[in-house]
Amino acid sequence: MEYTHLGRSGLTVSRLCLGTMNFGPQTTEADSHAIMDAAHESGINYFDTANVYGQHRGKGATEEIVGDWFASGGGRRERTVLATKLYGEMGDWPNDGKLSALNIRRALDASLTRLKTDYIDIYQFHHVDRDTPWDEIWQAMEVAVAQGKILYAGSSNFAGWHIATAQEAARRRNYTGLVSEQSIYNLLTRDVELEVLPAAQANGVGVIAWSPLHGGLLGGVVRKEREGKRRLEGRASDTLATHREAVEAYEDFADELGHEPGDLALAWLLHQPAVTAPIIGPRTRDQLDGAIRAVDLKLDQAALDRLDEIFPGRRTAPEHYAW
């Protein structure tokens, strides 16, 4: 496994981040524990979750699965850089969501209880809260740091100007501010290249790419469809119909290079200078093993250029749309 610093912080994290959203809804607790053990065995030390994860099992169920794994001992918590998120509504009463100082306090304590730990390494805002001023948010986070309940702050689904505004407000308070930003980023969805990636790099924020395979569309979906192993419906089917020619060319290029399409998609992200780590969300041990291969996959400039031809990217704003 390769490691790097998260943004400009001194925190060392693996180049792959283990996403846990499937734990509970798609993967049993026993299998989830086995996947987390296997991640440690492979050198992955960076785990991501959220208080709302759990779907039909109920909000908070995924954090509870991770917490039970920590409670089984063996240095599991000590060897893990733990990131979780707040913002989504956890109940139907006022102040049960978003980023007020009150909800930050309550949501943090509830996550600590479910995760069976006394601190969270990276406490992340799952979405920007346009109704809460940054001075209130940062004051609440400073209190949590002083209490020893969190170490770092991160964001998710922020626009570039949100990152810049948050960091400027933190600087006024002599506070570290954000160390990470989670954004959807993959070969098919490259909008963050306009402003989010430049803002993150300028402000010392490491980018964590979620949905690196775009819901499986970059994981060999055309081949699986032809072999009768996968049948797409709804939005995934519509997206494939729109981009079928490019996806087919992509899978052909992966075959030409001798790599699995999913490995190629992850490796491409690992070659992007703003990206600290893509989030992998394996439902099985085999999917985890497949993702780990991508860390050792090195792409030359010709391969990167070919991928840009298949899936054109965005230039930094304003050059992308203006002189």
C-alpha atoms as a PDB file:
ATOM      1  CA  MET A   1       0.000   0.000   0.000  1.00  0.00           C
ATOM      2  CA  GLU A   2       1.107   3.553  -0.698  1.00  0.00           C
ATOM      3  CA  TYR A   3       0.512   6.415   1.726  1.00  0.00           C
ATOM      4  CA  THR A   4       0.343  10.190   1.550  1.00  0.00           C
ATOM      5  CA  HIS A   5      -0.563  13.160   3.701  1.00  0.00           C
ATOM      6  CA  LEU A   6      -4.184  14.285   3.802  1.00  0.00           C
ATOM      7  CA  GLY A   7      -4.088  17.781   2.340  1.00  0.00           C
ATOM      8  CA  ARG A   8      -1.537  19.964   4.099  1.00  0.00           C
ATOM      9  CA  SER A   9      -2.041  18.124   7.387  1.00  0.00           C
ATOM     10  CA  GLY A  10       0.527  15.837   8.947  1.00  0.00           C
ATOM     11  CA  LEU A  11      -1.973  12.956   8.898  1.00  0.00           C
ATOM     12  CA  THR A  12      -0.791   9.944   6.898  1.00  0.00           C
ATOM     13  CA  VAL A  13      -3.495   8.004   5.045  1.00  0.00           C
ATOM     14  CA  SER A  14      -3.552   5.146   2.545  1.00  0.00           C
ATOM     15  CA  ARG A  15      -4.074   5.922  -1.143  1.00  0.00           C
ATOM     16  CA  LEU A  16      -7.336   3.969  -0.979  1.00  0.00           C
ATOM     17  CA  CYS A  17     -10.118   4.899   1.437  1.00  0.00           C
ATOM     18  CA  LEU A  18     -12.452   2.123   2.546  1.00  0.00           C
ATOM     19  CA  GLY A  19     -16.053   3.265   2.189  1.00  0.00           C
ATOM     20  CA  THR A  20     -18.571   1.526   4.436  1.00  0.00           C
ATOM     21  CA  MET A  21     -21.934   2.559   2.972  1.00  0.00           C
ATOM     22  CA  ASN A  22     -22.730  -1.025   1.953  1.00  0.00           C
ATOM     23  CA  PHE A  23     -22.114  -2.371   5.470  1.00  0.00           C
ATOM     24  CA  GLY A  24     -25.494  -3.424   6.791  1.00  0.00           C
ATOM     25  CA  PRO A  25     -27.763  -2.722   3.801  1.00  0.00           C
ATOM     26  CA  GLN A  26     -25.776  -4.855   1.303  1.00  0.00           C
ATOM     27  CA  THR A  27     -23.164  -6.679   3.372  1.00  0.00           C
ATOM     28  CA  THR A  28     -23.759  -8.638   6.558  1.00  0.00           C
ATOM     29  CA  GLU A  29     -22.082  -7.575   9.777  1.00  0.00           C
ATOM     30  CA  ALA A  30     -19.823 -10.638   9.753  1.00  0.00           C
ATOM     31  CA  ASP A  31     -18.736 -10.023   6.157  1.00  0.00           C
ATOM     32  CA  SER A  32     -18.286  -6.301   6.896  1.00  0.00           C
ATOM     33  CA  HIS A  33     -15.931  -7.157   9.767  1.00  0.00           C
ATOM     34  CA  ALA A  34     -14.008  -9.530   7.496  1.00  0.00           C
ATOM     35  CA  ILE A  35     -13.644  -6.830   4.834  1.00  0.00           C
ATOM     36  CA  MET A  36     -12.318  -4.338   7.399  1.00  0.00           C
ATOM     37  CA  ASP A  37      -9.828  -6.914   8.686  1.00  0.00           C
ATOM     38  CA  ALA A  38      -8.729  -7.592   5.106  1.00  0.00           C
ATOM     39  CA  ALA A  39      -8.352  -3.852   4.475  1.00  0.00           C
ATOM     40  CA  HIS A  40      -5.959  -3.600   7.428  1.00  0.00           C
ATOM     41  CA  GLU A  41      -4.060  -6.652   6.202  1.00  0.00           C
ATOM     42  CA  SER A  42      -3.636  -4.870   2.853  1.00  0.00           C
ATOM     43  CA  GLY A  43      -2.410  -1.670   4.504  1.00  0.00           C
ATOM     44  CA  ILE A  44      -5.577   0.415   4.153  1.00  0.00           C
ATOM     45  CA  ASN A  45      -5.779   2.574   7.274  1.00  0.00           C
ATOM     46  CA  TYR A  46      -8.345   5.170   6.108  1.00  0.00           C
ATOM     47  CA  PHE A  47     -12.031   4.303   6.678  1.00  0.00           C
ATOM     48  CA  ASP A  48     -15.032   6.491   5.830  1.00  0.00           C
ATOM     49  CA  THR A  49     -18.605   6.299   7.092  1.00  0.00           C
ATOM     50  CA  ALA A  50     -21.535   8.622   7.929  1.00  0.00           C
ATOM     51  CA  ASN A  51     -24.187   8.886  10.593  1.00  0.00           C
ATOM     52  CA  VAL A  52     -27.020   8.458   8.056  1.00  0.00           C
ATOM     53  CA  TYR A  53     -25.684   5.235   6.504  1.00  0.00           C
ATOM     54  CA  GLY A  54     -27.833   2.191   7.088  1.00  0.00           C
ATOM     55  CA  GLN A  55     -30.745   2.504   4.640  1.00  0.00           C
ATOM     56  CA  HIS A  56     -33.385  -0.145   5.468  1.00  0.00           C
ATOM     57  CA  ARG A  57     -31.402  -1.216   8.536  1.00  0.00           C
ATOM     58  CA  GLY A  58     -31.972   2.270   9.932  1.00  0.00           C
ATOM     59  CA  LYS A  59     -29.826   5.396  10.085  1.00  0.00           C
ATOM     60  CA  GLY A  60     -26.766   4.814  12.225  1.00  0.00           C
ATOM     61  CA  ALA A  61     -26.626   1.061  11.536  1.00  0.00           C
ATOM     62  CA  THR A  62     -23.378   1.267   9.579  1.00  0.00           C
ATOM     63  CA  GLU A  63     -21.614   3.228  12.313  1.00  0.00           C
ATOM     64  CA  GLU A  64     -22.761   0.566  14.788  1.00  0.00           C
ATOM     65  CA  ILE A  65     -21.218  -2.192  12.645  1.00  0.00           C
ATOM     66  CA  VAL A  66     -17.922  -0.301  12.525  1.00  0.00           C
ATOM     67  CA  GLY A  67     -18.151   0.328  16.274  1.00  0.00           C
ATOM     68  CA  ASP A  68     -18.664  -3.367  17.027  1.00  0.00           C
ATOM     69  CA  TRP A  69     -15.584  -4.133  14.933  1.00  0.00           C
ATOM     70  CA  PHE A  70     -13.538  -1.603  16.917  1.00  0.00           C
ATOM     71  CA  ALA A  71     -14.838  -3.112  20.160  1.00  0.00           C
ATOM     72  CA  SER A  72     -13.457  -6.521  19.189  1.00  0.00           C
ATOM     73  CA  GLY A  73      -9.993  -5.131  19.993  1.00  0.00           C
ATOM     74  CA  GLY A  74      -6.726  -6.190  18.426  1.00  0.00           C
ATOM     75  CA  GLY A  75      -5.643  -2.587  17.811  1.00  0.00           C
ATOM     76  CA  ARG A  76      -8.384  -2.101  15.234  1.00  0.00           C
ATOM     77  CA  ARG A  77      -9.304   1.407  16.362  1.00  0.00           C
ATOM     78  CA  GLU A  78      -5.710   2.480  16.932  1.00  0.00           C
ATOM     79  CA  ARG A  79      -4.706   1.418  13.408  1.00  0.00           C
ATOM     80  CA  THR A  80      -7.630   3.217  11.740  1.00  0.00           C
ATOM     81  CA  VAL A  81      -7.905   6.814  10.563  1.00  0.00           C
ATOM     82  CA  LEU A  82     -11.643   7.170  11.087  1.00  0.00           C
ATOM     83  CA  ALA A  83     -13.788   9.622   9.150  1.00  0.00           C
ATOM     84  CA  THR A  84     -17.518  10.046   9.602  1.00  0.00           C
ATOM     85  CA  LYS A  85     -20.024  12.662   8.492  1.00  0.00           C
ATOM     86  CA  LEU A  86     -22.986  14.693   9.720  1.00  0.00           C
ATOM     87  CA  TYR A  87     -25.616  16.875   8.048  1.00  0.00           C
ATOM     88  CA  GLY A  88     -28.505  14.589   7.076  1.00  0.00           C
ATOM     89  CA  GLU A  89     -31.617  14.514   9.229  1.00  0.00           C
ATOM     90  CA  MET A  90     -31.367  11.818  11.910  1.00  0.00           C
ATOM     91  CA  GLY A  91     -34.888  12.479  13.209  1.00  0.00           C
ATOM     92  CA  ASP A  92     -38.024  14.480  12.522  1.00  0.00           C
ATOM     93  CA  TRP A  93     -37.510  17.159  15.188  1.00  0.00           C
ATOM     94  CA  PRO A  94     -35.963  20.629  14.622  1.00  0.00           C
ATOM     95  CA  ASN A  95     -32.153  20.666  14.897  1.00  0.00           C
ATOM     96  CA  ASP A  96     -31.853  16.957  14.072  1.00  0.00           C
ATOM     97  CA  GLY A  97     -29.762  17.761  11.004  1.00  0.00           C
ATOM     98  CA  LYS A  98     -27.503  20.273   9.254  1.00  0.00           C
ATOM     99  CA  LEU A  99     -24.621  22.158  10.878  1.00  0.00           C
ATOM    100  CA  SER A 100     -25.920  24.253  13.747  1.00  0.00           C
ATOM    101  CA  ALA A 101     -23.712  24.247  16.840  1.00  0.00           C
ATOM    102  CA  LEU A 102     -26.465  22.313  18.603  1.00  0.00           C
ATOM    103  CA  ASN A 103     -26.617  19.565  15.998  1.00  0.00           C
ATOM    104  CA  ILE A 104     -22.829  19.327  15.736  1.00  0.00           C
ATOM    105  CA  ARG A 105     -22.693  18.667  19.483  1.00  0.00           C
ATOM    106  CA  ARG A 106     -25.548  16.153  19.511  1.00  0.00           C
ATOM    107  CA  ALA A 107     -24.621  14.352  16.286  1.00  0.00           C
ATOM    108  CA  LEU A 108     -20.980  14.042  17.319  1.00  0.00           C
ATOM    109  CA  ASP A 109     -21.846  12.484  20.692  1.00  0.00           C
ATOM    110  CA  ALA A 110     -24.291  10.085  19.022  1.00  0.00           C
ATOM    111  CA  SER A 111     -21.688   8.986  16.449  1.00  0.00           C
ATOM    112  CA  LEU A 112     -19.089   8.456  19.167  1.00  0.00           C
ATOM    113  CA  THR A 113     -21.530   6.190  20.999  1.00  0.00           C
ATOM    114  CA  ARG A 114     -22.382   4.147  17.906  1.00  0.00           C
ATOM    115  CA  LEU A 115     -18.735   3.905  16.853  1.00  0.00           C
ATOM    116  CA  LYS A 116     -17.660   2.878  20.376  1.00  0.00           C
ATOM    117  CA  THR A 117     -14.753   5.300  20.363  1.00  0.00           C
ATOM    118  CA  ASP A 118     -13.878   8.458  22.262  1.00  0.00           C
ATOM    119  CA  TYR A 119     -12.649  10.451  19.253  1.00  0.00           C
ATOM    120  CA  ILE A 120     -13.086  10.790  15.492  1.00  0.00           C
ATOM    121  CA  ASP A 121     -10.073  11.593  13.356  1.00  0.00           C
ATOM    122  CA  ILE A 122     -11.882  13.504  10.589  1.00  0.00           C
ATOM    123  CA  TYR A 123     -15.365  14.895  11.246  1.00  0.00           C
ATOM    124  CA  GLN A 124     -16.894  15.824   7.906  1.00  0.00           C
ATOM    125  CA  PHE A 125     -19.750  18.042   6.765  1.00  0.00           C
ATOM    126  CA  HIS A 126     -21.799  15.846   4.407  1.00  0.00           C
ATOM    127  CA  HIS A 127     -23.147  18.907   2.584  1.00  0.00           C
ATOM    128  CA  VAL A 128     -22.824  22.672   2.790  1.00  0.00           C
ATOM    129  CA  ASP A 129     -25.278  24.364   5.192  1.00  0.00           C
ATOM    130  CA  ARG A 130     -26.255  27.685   3.646  1.00  0.00           C
ATOM    131  CA  ASP A 131     -28.237  28.735   6.735  1.00  0.00           C
ATOM    132  CA  THR A 132     -25.493  28.464   9.375  1.00  0.00           C
ATOM    133  CA  PRO A 133     -22.644  31.017   9.480  1.00  0.00           C
ATOM    134  CA  TRP A 134     -19.119  29.659   9.363  1.00  0.00           C
ATOM    135  CA  ASP A 135     -18.159  31.337  12.644  1.00  0.00           C
ATOM    136  CA  GLU A 136     -20.813  29.230  14.394  1.00  0.00           C
ATOM    137  CA  ILE A 137     -19.664  26.042  12.658  1.00  0.00           C
ATOM    138  CA  TRP A 138     -15.990  26.612  13.384  1.00  0.00           C
ATOM    139  CA  GLN A 139     -16.613  27.591  17.000  1.00  0.00           C
ATOM    140  CA  ALA A 140     -18.483  24.314  17.535  1.00  0.00           C
ATOM    141  CA  MET A 141     -15.653  22.376  15.894  1.00  0.00           C
ATOM    142  CA  GLU A 142     -13.036  24.181  17.977  1.00  0.00           C
ATOM    143  CA  VAL A 143     -14.898  23.169  21.124  1.00  0.00           C
ATOM    144  CA  ALA A 144     -14.982  19.542  19.918  1.00  0.00           C
ATOM    145  CA  VAL A 145     -11.228  19.651  19.250  1.00  0.00           C
ATOM    146  CA  ALA A 146     -10.586  21.125  22.710  1.00  0.00           C
ATOM    147  CA  GLN A 147     -12.686  18.334  24.224  1.00  0.00           C
ATOM    148  CA  GLY A 148     -10.583  15.740  22.406  1.00  0.00           C
ATOM    149  CA  LYS A 149     -13.586  14.434  20.460  1.00  0.00           C
ATOM    150  CA  ILE A 150     -12.297  15.249  16.959  1.00  0.00           C
ATOM    151  CA  LEU A 151      -8.912  15.987  15.420  1.00  0.00           C
ATOM    152  CA  TYR A 152      -9.637  17.350  11.925  1.00  0.00           C
ATOM    153  CA  ALA A 153     -12.535  18.741   9.896  1.00  0.00           C
ATOM    154  CA  GLY A 154     -13.515  17.762   6.374  1.00  0.00           C
ATOM    155  CA  SER A 155     -16.242  18.542   3.851  1.00  0.00           C
ATOM    156  CA  SER A 156     -18.227  16.701   1.213  1.00  0.00           C
ATOM    157  CA  ASN A 157     -20.125  17.886  -1.851  1.00  0.00           C
ATOM    158  CA  PHE A 158     -18.833  21.467  -1.518  1.00  0.00           C
ATOM    159  CA  ALA A 159     -18.441  23.871  -4.421  1.00  0.00           C
ATOM    160  CA  GLY A 160     -15.082  25.535  -4.927  1.00  0.00           C
ATOM    161  CA  TRP A 161     -16.281  28.826  -3.452  1.00  0.00           C
ATOM    162  CA  HIS A 162     -17.637  26.988  -0.401  1.00  0.00           C
ATOM    163  CA  ILE A 163     -14.161  25.599   0.263  1.00  0.00           C
ATOM    164  CA  ALA A 164     -12.567  29.019  -0.181  1.00  0.00           C
ATOM    165  CA  THR A 165     -15.137  30.701   2.104  1.00  0.00           C
ATOM    166  CA  ALA A 166     -14.779  28.042   4.786  1.00  0.00           C
ATOM    167  CA  GLN A 167     -10.999  28.284   4.766  1.00  0.00           C
ATOM    168  CA  GLU A 168     -10.996  32.076   4.926  1.00  0.00           C
ATOM    169  CA  ALA A 169     -13.369  32.006   7.911  1.00  0.00           C
ATOM    170  CA  ALA A 170     -11.118  29.465   9.618  1.00  0.00           C
ATOM    171  CA  ARG A 171      -8.022  31.575   8.984  1.00  0.00           C
ATOM    172  CA  ARG A 172      -9.664  34.547  10.680  1.00  0.00           C
ATOM    173  CA  ARG A 173     -10.040  32.362  13.766  1.00  0.00           C
ATOM    174  CA  ASN A 174      -6.504  30.938  13.535  1.00  0.00           C
ATOM    175  CA  TYR A 175      -8.107  27.530  13.027  1.00  0.00           C
ATOM    176  CA  THR A 176      -6.880  24.803  10.668  1.00  0.00           C
ATOM    177  CA  GLY A 177     -10.173  24.565   8.792  1.00  0.00           C
ATOM    178  CA  LEU A 178     -10.791  21.797   6.264  1.00  0.00           C
ATOM    179  CA  VAL A 179      -8.214  19.106   5.518  1.00  0.00           C
ATOM    180  CA  SER A 180     -10.331  17.124   3.028  1.00  0.00           C
ATOM    181  CA  GLU A 181     -13.181  17.395   0.542  1.00  0.00           C
ATOM    182  CA  GLN A 182     -15.186  14.430  -0.722  1.00  0.00           C
ATOM    183  CA  SER A 183     -16.568  14.962  -4.209  1.00  0.00           C
ATOM    184  CA  ILE A 184     -17.932  12.738  -6.927  1.00  0.00           C
ATOM    185  CA  TYR A 185     -15.057  12.362  -9.378  1.00  0.00           C
ATOM    186  CA  ASN A 186     -14.438   9.753 -12.024  1.00  0.00           C
ATOM    187  CA  LEU A 187     -13.734   9.493 -15.731  1.00  0.00           C
ATOM    188  CA  LEU A 188     -17.409  10.037 -16.551  1.00  0.00           C
ATOM    189  CA  THR A 189     -18.044  12.867 -14.079  1.00  0.00           C
ATOM    190  CA  ARG A 190     -15.277  15.469 -14.159  1.00  0.00           C
ATOM    191  CA  ASP A 191     -17.103  18.709 -13.276  1.00  0.00           C
ATOM    192  CA  VAL A 192     -14.953  19.206 -10.159  1.00  0.00           C
ATOM    193  CA  GLU A 193     -12.025  19.951 -12.448  1.00  0.00           C
ATOM    194  CA  LEU A 194     -13.571  23.373 -13.155  1.00  0.00           C
ATOM    195  CA  GLU A 195     -13.303  24.885  -9.670  1.00  0.00           C
ATOM    196  CA  VAL A 196     -13.391  22.325  -6.829  1.00  0.00           C
ATOM    197  CA  LEU A 197      -9.994  20.773  -7.526  1.00  0.00           C
ATOM    198  CA  PRO A 198      -8.221  24.140  -7.989  1.00  0.00           C
ATOM    199  CA  ALA A 199      -9.856  25.484  -4.809  1.00  0.00           C
ATOM    200  CA  ALA A 200      -8.849  22.391  -2.868  1.00  0.00           C
ATOM    201  CA  GLN A 201      -5.238  22.540  -4.043  1.00  0.00           C
ATOM    202  CA  ALA A 202      -4.973  26.293  -3.361  1.00  0.00           C
ATOM    203  CA  ASN A 203      -6.339  25.834   0.164  1.00  0.00           C
ATOM    204  CA  GLY A 204      -4.423  22.736   1.200  1.00  0.00           C
ATOM    205  CA  VAL A 205      -7.411  20.397   1.058  1.00  0.00           C
ATOM    206  CA  GLY A 206      -7.011  16.757   0.010  1.00  0.00           C
ATOM    207  CA  VAL A 207      -9.663  15.457  -2.397  1.00  0.00           C
ATOM    208  CA  ILE A 208     -11.359  12.146  -1.669  1.00  0.00           C
ATOM    209  CA  ALA A 209     -13.150  10.893  -4.773  1.00  0.00           C
ATOM    210  CA  TRP A 210     -16.456   9.127  -4.221  1.00  0.00           C
ATOM    211  CA  SER A 211     -18.178   6.940  -6.810  1.00  0.00           C
ATOM    212  CA  PRO A 212     -14.863   6.276  -8.601  1.00  0.00           C
ATOM    213  CA  LEU A 213     -16.540   3.674 -10.857  1.00  0.00           C
ATOM    214  CA  HIS A 214     -19.680   5.790 -11.348  1.00  0.00           C
ATOM    215  CA  GLY A 215     -21.995   3.212  -9.846  1.00  0.00           C
ATOM    216  CA  GLY A 216     -20.260   0.355 -11.656  1.00  0.00           C
ATOM    217  CA  LEU A 217     -20.433   1.877 -15.155  1.00  0.00           C
ATOM    218  CA  LEU A 218     -16.618   1.981 -15.295  1.00  0.00           C
ATOM    219  CA  GLY A 219     -16.239  -1.535 -13.909  1.00  0.00           C
ATOM    220  CA  GLY A 220     -16.732  -3.503 -17.121  1.00  0.00           C
ATOM    221  CA  VAL A 221     -20.495  -3.101 -17.275  1.00  0.00           C
ATOM    222  CA  VAL A 222     -20.807  -3.621 -21.047  1.00  0.00           C
ATOM    223  CA  ARG A 223     -18.931  -6.922 -20.882  1.00  0.00           C
ATOM    224  CA  LYS A 224     -20.996  -8.050 -17.879  1.00  0.00           C
ATOM    225  CA  GLU A 225     -24.168  -7.034 -19.688  1.00  0.00           C
ATOM    226  CA  ARG A 226     -23.225  -9.088 -22.739  1.00  0.00           C
ATOM    227  CA  GLU A 227     -22.388 -12.066 -20.548  1.00  0.00           C
ATOM    228  CA  GLY A 228     -25.726 -11.770 -18.762  1.00  0.00           C
ATOM    229  CA  LYS A 229     -24.033 -11.058 -15.408  1.00  0.00           C
ATOM    230  CA  ARG A 230     -25.537  -7.619 -14.917  1.00  0.00           C
ATOM    231  CA  ARG A 231     -28.741  -5.877 -15.926  1.00  0.00           C
ATOM    232  CA  LEU A 232     -28.961  -2.135 -15.445  1.00  0.00           C
ATOM    233  CA  GLU A 233     -32.135  -0.258 -14.663  1.00  0.00           C
ATOM    234  CA  GLY A 234     -33.190   3.330 -14.031  1.00  0.00           C
ATOM    235  CA  ARG A 235     -30.578   6.098 -13.928  1.00  0.00           C
ATOM    236  CA  ALA A 236     -27.647   3.716 -14.460  1.00  0.00           C
ATOM    237  CA  SER A 237     -29.270   2.340 -17.615  1.00  0.00           C
ATOM    238  CA  ASP A 238     -30.005   5.857 -18.910  1.00  0.00           C
ATOM    239  CA  THR A 239     -26.422   6.968 -18.234  1.00  0.00           C
ATOM    240  CA  LEU A 240     -25.000   3.968 -20.064  1.00  0.00           C
ATOM    241  CA  ALA A 241     -27.297   4.600 -23.032  1.00  0.00           C
ATOM    242  CA  THR A 242     -25.985   8.172 -23.251  1.00  0.00           C
ATOM    243  CA  HIS A 243     -22.334   7.191 -22.938  1.00  0.00           C
ATOM    244  CA  ARG A 244     -22.318   3.663 -24.420  1.00  0.00           C
ATOM    245  CA  GLU A 245     -19.896   4.467 -27.242  1.00  0.00           C
ATOM    246  CA  ALA A 246     -17.361   5.974 -24.818  1.00  0.00           C
ATOM    247  CA  VAL A 247     -17.775   3.168 -22.272  1.00  0.00           C
ATOM    248  CA  GLU A 248     -17.275   0.545 -24.985  1.00  0.00           C
ATOM    249  CA  ALA A 249     -14.125   2.338 -26.188  1.00  0.00           C
ATOM    250  CA  TYR A 250     -12.933   2.501 -22.590  1.00  0.00           C
ATOM    251  CA  GLU A 251     -13.401  -1.218 -22.003  1.00  0.00           C
ATOM    252  CA  ASP A 252     -11.612  -1.971 -25.286  1.00  0.00           C
ATOM    253  CA  PHE A 253      -8.702   0.220 -24.164  1.00  0.00           C
ATOM    254  CA  ALA A 254      -8.559  -1.560 -20.805  1.00  0.00           C
ATOM    255  CA  ASP A 255      -8.344  -4.882 -22.672  1.00  0.00           C
ATOM    256  CA  GLU A 256      -5.588  -3.439 -24.847  1.00  0.00           C
ATOM    257  CA  LEU A 257      -3.609  -2.483 -21.728  1.00  0.00           C
ATOM    258  CA  GLY A 258      -4.317  -5.840 -20.110  1.00  0.00           C
ATOM    259  CA  HIS A 259      -6.149  -4.404 -17.093  1.00  0.00           C
ATOM    260  CA  GLU A 260      -9.608  -4.755 -15.619  1.00  0.00           C
ATOM    261  CA  PRO A 261     -11.749  -1.661 -16.356  1.00  0.00           C
ATOM    262  CA  GLY A 262     -12.378  -0.995 -12.668  1.00  0.00           C
ATOM    263  CA  ASP A 263      -8.659  -1.125 -11.895  1.00  0.00           C
ATOM    264  CA  LEU A 264      -7.982   1.337 -14.706  1.00  0.00           C
ATOM    265  CA  ALA A 265     -10.602   3.803 -13.415  1.00  0.00           C
ATOM    266  CA  LEU A 266      -9.101   3.770  -9.909  1.00  0.00           C
ATOM    267  CA  ALA A 267      -5.554   4.036 -11.232  1.00  0.00           C
ATOM    268  CA  TRP A 268      -6.526   7.088 -13.313  1.00  0.00           C
ATOM    269  CA  LEU A 269      -7.800   8.821 -10.171  1.00  0.00           C
ATOM    270  CA  LEU A 270      -4.587   7.977  -8.326  1.00  0.00           C
ATOM    271  CA  HIS A 271      -2.680   9.787 -11.089  1.00  0.00           C
ATOM    272  CA  GLN A 272      -4.629  13.039 -10.574  1.00  0.00           C
ATOM    273  CA  PRO A 273      -2.486  15.440  -8.485  1.00  0.00           C
ATOM    274  CA  ALA A 274      -5.379  16.805  -6.382  1.00  0.00           C
ATOM    275  CA  VAL A 275      -6.633  13.361  -5.352  1.00  0.00           C
ATOM    276  CA  THR A 276      -5.521  11.908  -2.029  1.00  0.00           C
ATOM    277  CA  ALA A 277      -7.581   8.730  -2.339  1.00  0.00           C
ATOM    278  CA  PRO A 278     -10.629   7.333  -4.101  1.00  0.00           C
ATOM    279  CA  ILE A 279     -13.278   5.784  -1.844  1.00  0.00           C
ATOM    280  CA  ILE A 280     -13.798   2.124  -2.608  1.00  0.00           C
ATOM    281  CA  GLY A 281     -17.034   0.547  -1.394  1.00  0.00           C
ATOM    282  CA  PRO A 282     -16.603  -3.224  -1.668  1.00  0.00           C
ATOM    283  CA  ARG A 283     -19.556  -5.468  -0.926  1.00  0.00           C
ATOM    284  CA  THR A 284     -17.316  -8.553  -0.916  1.00  0.00           C
ATOM    285  CA  ARG A 285     -13.703  -9.524  -0.194  1.00  0.00           C
ATOM    286  CA  ASP A 286     -13.114 -10.189  -3.904  1.00  0.00           C
ATOM    287  CA  GLN A 287     -14.127  -6.620  -4.760  1.00  0.00           C
ATOM    288  CA  LEU A 288     -11.687  -5.326  -2.146  1.00  0.00           C
ATOM    289  CA  ASP A 289      -8.843  -7.411  -3.568  1.00  0.00           C
ATOM    290  CA  GLY A 290      -9.616  -6.112  -7.049  1.00  0.00           C
ATOM    291  CA  ALA A 291      -9.489  -2.487  -5.940  1.00  0.00           C
ATOM    292  CA  ILE A 292      -6.139  -2.936  -4.191  1.00  0.00           C
ATOM    293  CA  ARG A 293      -4.527  -3.953  -7.511  1.00  0.00           C
ATOM    294  CA  ALA A 294      -5.045  -0.422  -8.811  1.00  0.00           C
ATOM    295  CA  VAL A 295      -2.477   1.059  -6.406  1.00  0.00           C
ATOM    296  CA  ASP A 296       0.342  -0.680  -8.280  1.00  0.00           C
ATOM    297  CA  LEU A 297      -0.973   0.171 -11.740  1.00  0.00           C
ATOM    298  CA  LYS A 298       1.158   2.894 -13.331  1.00  0.00           C
ATOM    299  CA  LEU A 299      -0.118   4.728 -16.393  1.00  0.00           C
ATOM    300  CA  ASP A 300       2.159   6.488 -18.850  1.00  0.00           C
ATOM    301  CA  GLN A 301       1.293   9.814 -20.443  1.00  0.00           C
ATOM    302  CA  ALA A 302       0.067   8.135 -23.628  1.00  0.00           C
ATOM    303  CA  ALA A 303      -2.478   6.119 -21.631  1.00  0.00           C
ATOM    304  CA  LEU A 304      -3.616   9.192 -19.714  1.00  0.00           C
ATOM    305  CA  ASP A 305      -4.007  11.110 -22.977  1.00  0.00           C
ATOM    306  CA  ARG A 306      -6.060   8.294 -24.480  1.00  0.00           C
ATOM    307  CA  LEU A 307      -8.393   8.287 -21.476  1.00  0.00           C
ATOM    308  CA  ASP A 308      -8.850  12.041 -21.897  1.00  0.00           C
ATOM    309  CA  GLU A 309      -9.817  11.418 -25.523  1.00  0.00           C
ATOM    310  CA  ILE A 310     -12.432   8.861 -24.524  1.00  0.00           C
ATOM    311  CA  PHE A 311     -13.767  10.906 -21.597  1.00  0.00           C
ATOM    312  CA  PRO A 312     -12.957  14.591 -22.201  1.00  0.00           C
ATOM    313  CA  GLY A 313     -12.282  16.505 -19.008  1.00  0.00           C
ATOM    314  CA  ARG A 314     -12.720  20.098 -17.906  1.00  0.00           C
ATOM    315  CA  ARG A 315     -10.150  22.854 -17.985  1.00  0.00           C
ATOM    316  CA  THR A 316      -9.818  25.056 -14.914  1.00  0.00           C
ATOM    317  CA  ALA A 317     -12.366  27.888 -14.826  1.00  0.00           C
ATOM    318  CA  PRO A 318     -12.540  30.407 -16.419  1.00  0.00           C
ATOM    319  CA  GLU A 319     -10.290  29.110 -19.221  1.00  0.00           C
ATOM    320  CA  HIS A 320     -12.690  26.233 -19.863  1.00  0.00           C
ATOM    321  CA  TYR A 321     -15.367  28.618 -21.126  1.00  0.00           C
ATOM    322  CA  ALA A 322     -13.623  31.967 -21.637  1.00  0.00           C
ATOM    323  CA  TRP A 323     -10.400  33.264 -23.152  1.00  0.00           C
END
